[in-house]
Amino acid sequence: MQRASDDLLSYLIAQAQTGAKNWFGYPQQRLININLCHKIAEAHAPDMTPEEVVNYVIKLNDLIYKRIVTNGV
């Protein structure tokens, strides 16, 4: 699983460096959501239900997009 996470991060970094405005589009967001769900579920299985994990990841990803990718625009 770590290899997949590293590959995904490398891909996102490469895309961000292209200068294209749509580098973090819907397909990339879905991949990040899936990856984060698995990581958070692994770390917090005793504390969070699967639905709570998914809801948290969606909110987190939206916040990342709004505050980091689009620079708060």
PDB file of N, CA and C in Angstrom:
ATOM      1  N   MET A   1       0.825  -1.192   0.000  1.00  0.00           N
ATOM      2  CA  MET A   1       0.000   0.000   0.000  1.00  0.00           C
ATOM      3  C   MET A   1       0.870   1.257   0.000  1.00  0.00           C
ATOM      4  N   GLN A   2       2.009   1.221   0.661  1.00  0.00           N
ATOM      5  CA  GLN A   2       2.890   2.388   0.702  1.00  0.00           C
ATOM      6  C   GLN A   2       3.376   2.743  -0.702  1.00  0.00           C
ATOM      7  N   ARG A   3       3.686   1.742  -1.504  1.00  0.00           N
ATOM      8  CA  ARG A   3       4.156   1.988  -2.878  1.00  0.00           C
ATOM      9  C   ARG A   3       3.094   2.743  -3.677  1.00  0.00           C
ATOM     10  N   ALA A   4       1.838   2.328  -3.553  1.00  0.00           N
ATOM     11  CA  ALA A   4       0.751   2.997  -4.263  1.00  0.00           C
ATOM     12  C   ALA A   4       0.613   4.440  -3.804  1.00  0.00           C
ATOM     13  N   SER A   5       0.755   4.675  -2.512  1.00  0.00           N
ATOM     14  CA  SER A   5       0.673   6.035  -1.983  1.00  0.00           C
ATOM     15  C   SER A   5       1.811   6.899  -2.509  1.00  0.00           C
ATOM     16  N   ASP A   6       3.007   6.326  -2.549  1.00  0.00           N
ATOM     17  CA  ASP A   6       4.160   7.060  -3.071  1.00  0.00           C
ATOM     18  C   ASP A   6       3.984   7.369  -4.553  1.00  0.00           C
ATOM     19  N   ASP A   7       3.460   6.397  -5.307  1.00  0.00           N
ATOM     20  CA  ASP A   7       3.229   6.600  -6.739  1.00  0.00           C
ATOM     21  C   ASP A   7       2.182   7.689  -6.967  1.00  0.00           C
ATOM     22  N   LEU A   8       1.133   7.673  -6.165  1.00  0.00           N
ATOM     23  CA  LEU A   8       0.084   8.677  -6.295  1.00  0.00           C
ATOM     24  C   LEU A   8       0.623  10.068  -5.976  1.00  0.00           C
ATOM     25  N   LEU A   9       1.406  10.173  -4.921  1.00  0.00           N
ATOM     26  CA  LEU A   9       1.995  11.463  -4.562  1.00  0.00           C
ATOM     27  C   LEU A   9       2.932  11.953  -5.663  1.00  0.00           C
ATOM     28  N   SER A  10       3.733  11.068  -6.204  1.00  0.00           N
ATOM     29  CA  SER A  10       4.643  11.439  -7.296  1.00  0.00           C
ATOM     30  C   SER A  10       3.867  11.935  -8.507  1.00  0.00           C
ATOM     31  N   TYR A  11       2.774  11.245  -8.816  1.00  0.00           N
ATOM     32  CA  TYR A  11       1.936  11.654  -9.947  1.00  0.00           C
ATOM     33  C   TYR A  11       1.362  13.054  -9.712  1.00  0.00           C
ATOM     34  N   LEU A  12       0.827  13.292  -8.524  1.00  0.00           N
ATOM     35  CA  LEU A  12       0.229  14.594  -8.232  1.00  0.00           C
ATOM     36  C   LEU A  12       1.271  15.713  -8.277  1.00  0.00           C
ATOM     37  N   ILE A  13       2.457  15.441  -7.770  1.00  0.00           N
ATOM     38  CA  ILE A  13       3.523  16.446  -7.820  1.00  0.00           C
ATOM     39  C   ILE A  13       3.898  16.750  -9.261  1.00  0.00           C
ATOM     40  N   ALA A  14       4.043  15.716 -10.071  1.00  0.00           N
ATOM     41  CA  ALA A  14       4.386  15.911 -11.486  1.00  0.00           C
ATOM     42  C   ALA A  14       3.307  16.712 -12.196  1.00  0.00           C
ATOM     43  N   GLN A  15       2.051  16.416 -11.906  1.00  0.00           N
ATOM     44  CA  GLN A  15       0.956  17.145 -12.544  1.00  0.00           C
ATOM     45  C   GLN A  15       0.929  18.609 -12.101  1.00  0.00           C
ATOM     46  N   ALA A  16       1.188  18.844 -10.833  1.00  0.00           N
ATOM     47  CA  ALA A  16       1.176  20.215 -10.320  1.00  0.00           C
ATOM     48  C   ALA A  16       2.272  21.049 -10.965  1.00  0.00           C
ATOM     49  N   GLN A  17       3.365  20.419 -11.305  1.00  0.00           N
ATOM     50  CA  GLN A  17       4.497  21.136 -11.886  1.00  0.00           C
ATOM     51  C   GLN A  17       4.335  21.422 -13.375  1.00  0.00           C
ATOM     52  N   THR A  18       3.311  20.877 -14.012  1.00  0.00           N
ATOM     53  CA  THR A  18       3.103  21.127 -15.440  1.00  0.00           C
ATOM     54  C   THR A  18       2.597  22.539 -15.704  1.00  0.00           C
ATOM     55  N   GLY A  19       1.984  23.149 -14.698  1.00  0.00           N
ATOM     56  CA  GLY A  19       1.437  24.482 -14.880  1.00  0.00           C
ATOM     57  C   GLY A  19       0.014  24.479 -15.410  1.00  0.00           C
ATOM     58  N   ALA A  20      -0.502  23.309 -15.746  1.00  0.00           N
ATOM     59  CA  ALA A  20      -1.880  23.210 -16.232  1.00  0.00           C
ATOM     60  C   ALA A  20      -2.842  23.547 -15.099  1.00  0.00           C
ATOM     61  N   LYS A  21      -3.910  24.257 -15.421  1.00  0.00           N
ATOM     62  CA  LYS A  21      -4.852  24.681 -14.388  1.00  0.00           C
ATOM     63  C   LYS A  21      -5.774  23.556 -13.935  1.00  0.00           C
ATOM     64  N   ASN A  22      -5.927  22.533 -14.741  1.00  0.00           N
ATOM     65  CA  ASN A  22      -6.861  21.459 -14.401  1.00  0.00           C
ATOM     66  C   ASN A  22      -6.152  20.204 -13.901  1.00  0.00           C
ATOM     67  N   TRP A  23      -4.958  20.343 -13.356  1.00  0.00           N
ATOM     68  CA  TRP A  23      -4.185  19.171 -12.934  1.00  0.00           C
ATOM     69  C   TRP A  23      -4.826  18.415 -11.790  1.00  0.00           C
ATOM     70  N   PHE A  24      -5.637  19.067 -10.983  1.00  0.00           N
ATOM     71  CA  PHE A  24      -6.291  18.411  -9.852  1.00  0.00           C
ATOM     72  C   PHE A  24      -7.784  18.370 -10.099  1.00  0.00           C
ATOM     73  N   GLY A  25      -8.142  17.673 -11.146  1.00  0.00           N
ATOM     74  CA  GLY A  25      -9.545  17.574 -11.537  1.00  0.00           C
ATOM     75  C   GLY A  25     -10.266  16.464 -10.799  1.00  0.00           C
ATOM     76  N   TYR A  26     -11.435  16.173 -11.263  1.00  0.00           N
ATOM     77  CA  TYR A  26     -12.301  15.186 -10.625  1.00  0.00           C
ATOM     78  C   TYR A  26     -11.655  13.799 -10.524  1.00  0.00           C
ATOM     79  N   PRO A  27     -11.028  13.273 -11.595  1.00  0.00           N
ATOM     80  CA  PRO A  27     -10.405  11.940 -11.461  1.00  0.00           C
ATOM     81  C   PRO A  27      -9.321  11.903 -10.378  1.00  0.00           C
ATOM     82  N   GLN A  28      -8.519  12.943 -10.295  1.00  0.00           N
ATOM     83  CA  GLN A  28      -7.473  12.987  -9.279  1.00  0.00           C
ATOM     84  C   GLN A  28      -8.071  13.076  -7.875  1.00  0.00           C
ATOM     85  N   GLN A  29      -9.137  13.843  -7.742  1.00  0.00           N
ATOM     86  CA  GLN A  29      -9.793  13.964  -6.444  1.00  0.00           C
ATOM     87  C   GLN A  29     -10.366  12.620  -6.005  1.00  0.00           C
ATOM     88  N   ARG A  30     -10.928  11.873  -6.934  1.00  0.00           N
ATOM     89  CA  ARG A  30     -11.474  10.558  -6.592  1.00  0.00           C
ATOM     90  C   ARG A  30     -10.375   9.620  -6.116  1.00  0.00           C
ATOM     91  N   LEU A  31      -9.229   9.641  -6.796  1.00  0.00           N
ATOM     92  CA  LEU A  31      -8.112   8.785  -6.381  1.00  0.00           C
ATOM     93  C   LEU A  31      -7.636   9.146  -4.975  1.00  0.00           C
ATOM     94  N   ILE A  32      -7.521  10.441  -4.729  1.00  0.00           N
ATOM     95  CA  ILE A  32      -7.101  10.889  -3.394  1.00  0.00           C
ATOM     96  C   ILE A  32      -8.129  10.463  -2.348  1.00  0.00           C
ATOM     97  N   ASN A  33      -9.401  10.624  -2.651  1.00  0.00           N
ATOM     98  CA  ASN A  33     -10.449  10.230  -1.704  1.00  0.00           C
ATOM     99  C   ASN A  33     -10.341   8.757  -1.347  1.00  0.00           C
ATOM    100  N   ILE A  34     -10.194   7.920  -2.351  1.00  0.00           N
ATOM    101  CA  ILE A  34     -10.116   6.476  -2.111  1.00  0.00           C
ATOM    102  C   ILE A  34      -8.888   6.149  -1.266  1.00  0.00           C
ATOM    103  N   ASN A  35      -7.765   6.728  -1.635  1.00  0.00           N
ATOM    104  CA  ASN A  35      -6.529   6.475  -0.897  1.00  0.00           C
ATOM    105  C   ASN A  35      -6.641   6.948   0.548  1.00  0.00           C
ATOM    106  N   LEU A  36      -7.163   8.144   0.751  1.00  0.00           N
ATOM    107  CA  LEU A  36      -7.318   8.663   2.112  1.00  0.00           C
ATOM    108  C   LEU A  36      -8.294   7.834   2.935  1.00  0.00           C
ATOM    109  N   CYS A  37      -9.371   7.381   2.322  1.00  0.00           N
ATOM    110  CA  CYS A  37     -10.335   6.549   3.045  1.00  0.00           C
ATOM    111  C   CYS A  37      -9.651   5.307   3.602  1.00  0.00           C
ATOM    112  N   HIS A  38      -8.852   4.671   2.785  1.00  0.00           N
ATOM    113  CA  HIS A  38      -8.173   3.460   3.245  1.00  0.00           C
ATOM    114  C   HIS A  38      -7.178   3.766   4.357  1.00  0.00           C
ATOM    115  N   LYS A  39      -6.414   4.825   4.200  1.00  0.00           N
ATOM    116  CA  LYS A  39      -5.422   5.168   5.217  1.00  0.00           C
ATOM    117  C   LYS A  39      -6.088   5.544   6.544  1.00  0.00           C
ATOM    118  N   ILE A  40      -7.119   6.358   6.479  1.00  0.00           N
ATOM    119  CA  ILE A  40      -7.801   6.784   7.702  1.00  0.00           C
ATOM    120  C   ILE A  40      -8.525   5.602   8.347  1.00  0.00           C
ATOM    121  N   ALA A  41      -9.126   4.755   7.531  1.00  0.00           N
ATOM    122  CA  ALA A  41      -9.806   3.580   8.077  1.00  0.00           C
ATOM    123  C   ALA A  41      -8.811   2.664   8.793  1.00  0.00           C
ATOM    124  N   GLU A  42      -7.629   2.492   8.220  1.00  0.00           N
ATOM    125  CA  GLU A  42      -6.603   1.664   8.861  1.00  0.00           C
ATOM    126  C   GLU A  42      -6.206   2.248  10.227  1.00  0.00           C
ATOM    127  N   ALA A  43      -6.059   3.553  10.265  1.00  0.00           N
ATOM    128  CA  ALA A  43      -5.583   4.200  11.488  1.00  0.00           C
ATOM    129  C   ALA A  43      -6.677   4.386  12.543  1.00  0.00           C
ATOM    130  N   HIS A  44      -7.933   4.506  12.098  1.00  0.00           N
ATOM    131  CA  HIS A  44      -9.002   4.867  13.035  1.00  0.00           C
ATOM    132  C   HIS A  44     -10.169   3.885  13.036  1.00  0.00           C
ATOM    133  N   ALA A  45      -9.939   2.664  12.623  1.00  0.00           N
ATOM    134  CA  ALA A  45     -11.020   1.674  12.574  1.00  0.00           C
ATOM    135  C   ALA A  45     -11.760   1.533  13.905  1.00  0.00           C
ATOM    136  N   PRO A  46     -11.067   1.559  15.041  1.00  0.00           N
ATOM    137  CA  PRO A  46     -11.802   1.422  16.305  1.00  0.00           C
ATOM    138  C   PRO A  46     -12.621   2.662  16.674  1.00  0.00           C
ATOM    139  N   ASP A  47     -12.261   3.807  16.094  1.00  0.00           N
ATOM    140  CA  ASP A  47     -12.876   5.069  16.502  1.00  0.00           C
ATOM    141  C   ASP A  47     -13.931   5.618  15.550  1.00  0.00           C
ATOM    142  N   MET A  48     -13.879   5.230  14.283  1.00  0.00           N
ATOM    143  CA  MET A  48     -14.764   5.820  13.279  1.00  0.00           C
ATOM    144  C   MET A  48     -15.468   4.722  12.485  1.00  0.00           C
ATOM    145  N   THR A  49     -16.711   4.982  12.134  1.00  0.00           N
ATOM    146  CA  THR A  49     -17.418   4.056  11.256  1.00  0.00           C
ATOM    147  C   THR A  49     -16.946   4.305   9.823  1.00  0.00           C
ATOM    148  N   PRO A  50     -17.186   3.370   8.921  1.00  0.00           N
ATOM    149  CA  PRO A  50     -16.818   3.602   7.520  1.00  0.00           C
ATOM    150  C   PRO A  50     -17.469   4.872   6.951  1.00  0.00           C
ATOM    151  N   GLU A  51     -18.707   5.117   7.318  1.00  0.00           N
ATOM    152  CA  GLU A  51     -19.398   6.320   6.831  1.00  0.00           C
ATOM    153  C   GLU A  51     -18.732   7.594   7.353  1.00  0.00           C
ATOM    154  N   GLU A  52     -18.317   7.586   8.605  1.00  0.00           N
ATOM    155  CA  GLU A  52     -17.619   8.740   9.175  1.00  0.00           C
ATOM    156  C   GLU A  52     -16.293   8.982   8.456  1.00  0.00           C
ATOM    157  N   VAL A  53     -15.585   7.906   8.137  1.00  0.00           N
ATOM    158  CA  VAL A  53     -14.322   8.036   7.418  1.00  0.00           C
ATOM    159  C   VAL A  53     -14.554   8.679   6.057  1.00  0.00           C
ATOM    160  N   VAL A  54     -15.523   8.181   5.319  1.00  0.00           N
ATOM    161  CA  VAL A  54     -15.802   8.714   3.979  1.00  0.00           C
ATOM    162  C   VAL A  54     -16.224  10.174   4.060  1.00  0.00           C
ATOM    163  N   ASN A  55     -17.108  10.512   4.972  1.00  0.00           N
ATOM    164  CA  ASN A  55     -17.544  11.903   5.115  1.00  0.00           C
ATOM    165  C   ASN A  55     -16.381  12.823   5.468  1.00  0.00           C
ATOM    166  N   TYR A  56     -15.527  12.371   6.368  1.00  0.00           N
ATOM    167  CA  TYR A  56     -14.353  13.161   6.750  1.00  0.00           C
ATOM    168  C   TYR A  56     -13.436  13.389   5.550  1.00  0.00           C
ATOM    169  N   VAL A  57     -13.192  12.344   4.782  1.00  0.00           N
ATOM    170  CA  VAL A  57     -12.298  12.450   3.627  1.00  0.00           C
ATOM    171  C   VAL A  57     -12.875  13.396   2.579  1.00  0.00           C
ATOM    172  N   ILE A  58     -14.158  13.335   2.342  1.00  0.00           N
ATOM    173  CA  ILE A  58     -14.786  14.243   1.368  1.00  0.00           C
ATOM    174  C   ILE A  58     -14.621  15.689   1.825  1.00  0.00           C
ATOM    175  N   LYS A  59     -14.883  15.955   3.093  1.00  0.00           N
ATOM    176  CA  LYS A  59     -14.717  17.319   3.619  1.00  0.00           C
ATOM    177  C   LYS A  59     -13.264  17.764   3.547  1.00  0.00           C
ATOM    178  N   LEU A  60     -12.349  16.869   3.897  1.00  0.00           N
ATOM    179  CA  LEU A  60     -10.925  17.182   3.844  1.00  0.00           C
ATOM    180  C   LEU A  60     -10.480  17.484   2.422  1.00  0.00           C
ATOM    181  N   ASN A  61     -10.892  16.661   1.483  1.00  0.00           N
ATOM    182  CA  ASN A  61     -10.507  16.864   0.092  1.00  0.00           C
ATOM    183  C   ASN A  61     -11.074  18.171  -0.455  1.00  0.00           C
ATOM    184  N   ASP A  62     -12.303  18.487  -0.118  1.00  0.00           N
ATOM    185  CA  ASP A  62     -12.890  19.756  -0.553  1.00  0.00           C
ATOM    186  C   ASP A  62     -12.099  20.942   0.005  1.00  0.00           C
ATOM    187  N   LEU A  63     -11.723  20.845   1.263  1.00  0.00           N
ATOM    188  CA  LEU A  63     -10.946  21.913   1.894  1.00  0.00           C
ATOM    189  C   LEU A  63      -9.569  22.048   1.246  1.00  0.00           C
ATOM    190  N   ILE A  64      -8.920  20.923   0.960  1.00  0.00           N
ATOM    191  CA  ILE A  64      -7.625  20.953   0.267  1.00  0.00           C
ATOM    192  C   ILE A  64      -7.778  21.646  -1.073  1.00  0.00           C
ATOM    193  N   TYR A  65      -8.790  21.277  -1.813  1.00  0.00           N
ATOM    194  CA  TYR A  65      -9.012  21.865  -3.136  1.00  0.00           C
ATOM    195  C   TYR A  65      -9.238  23.387  -3.028  1.00  0.00           C
ATOM    196  N   LYS A  66     -10.106  23.770  -2.112  1.00  0.00           N
ATOM    197  CA  LYS A  66     -10.450  25.196  -2.003  1.00  0.00           C
ATOM    198  C   LYS A  66      -9.297  26.050  -1.473  1.00  0.00           C
ATOM    199  N   ARG A  67      -8.587  25.552  -0.480  1.00  0.00           N
ATOM    200  CA  ARG A  67      -7.578  26.376   0.179  1.00  0.00           C
ATOM    201  C   ARG A  67      -6.178  26.242  -0.409  1.00  0.00           C
ATOM    202  N   ILE A  68      -5.861  25.069  -0.962  1.00  0.00           N
ATOM    203  CA  ILE A  68      -4.501  24.855  -1.458  1.00  0.00           C
ATOM    204  C   ILE A  68      -4.442  24.881  -2.977  1.00  0.00           C
ATOM    205  N   VAL A  69      -5.286  24.117  -3.628  1.00  0.00           N
ATOM    206  CA  VAL A  69      -5.224  24.011  -5.085  1.00  0.00           C
ATOM    207  C   VAL A  69      -5.650  25.305  -5.752  1.00  0.00           C
ATOM    208  N   THR A  70      -6.756  25.891  -5.304  1.00  0.00           N
ATOM    209  CA  THR A  70      -7.234  27.121  -5.932  1.00  0.00           C
ATOM    210  C   THR A  70      -6.825  28.363  -5.149  1.00  0.00           C
ATOM    211  N   ASN A  71      -6.001  28.177  -4.140  1.00  0.00           N
ATOM    212  CA  ASN A  71      -5.486  29.297  -3.323  1.00  0.00           C
ATOM    213  C   ASN A  71      -6.596  30.153  -2.726  1.00  0.00           C
ATOM    214  N   GLY A  72      -7.650  29.500  -2.275  1.00  0.00           N
ATOM    215  CA  GLY A  72      -8.731  30.219  -1.618  1.00  0.00           C
ATOM    216  C   GLY A  72      -9.641  30.993  -2.539  1.00  0.00           C
ATOM    217  N   VAL A  73      -9.503  30.777  -3.822  1.00  0.00           N
ATOM    218  CA  VAL A  73     -10.336  31.496  -4.785  1.00  0.00           C
ATOM    219  C   VAL A  73     -11.706  30.903  -4.841  1.00  0.00           C
TER     220      VAL A  73
END
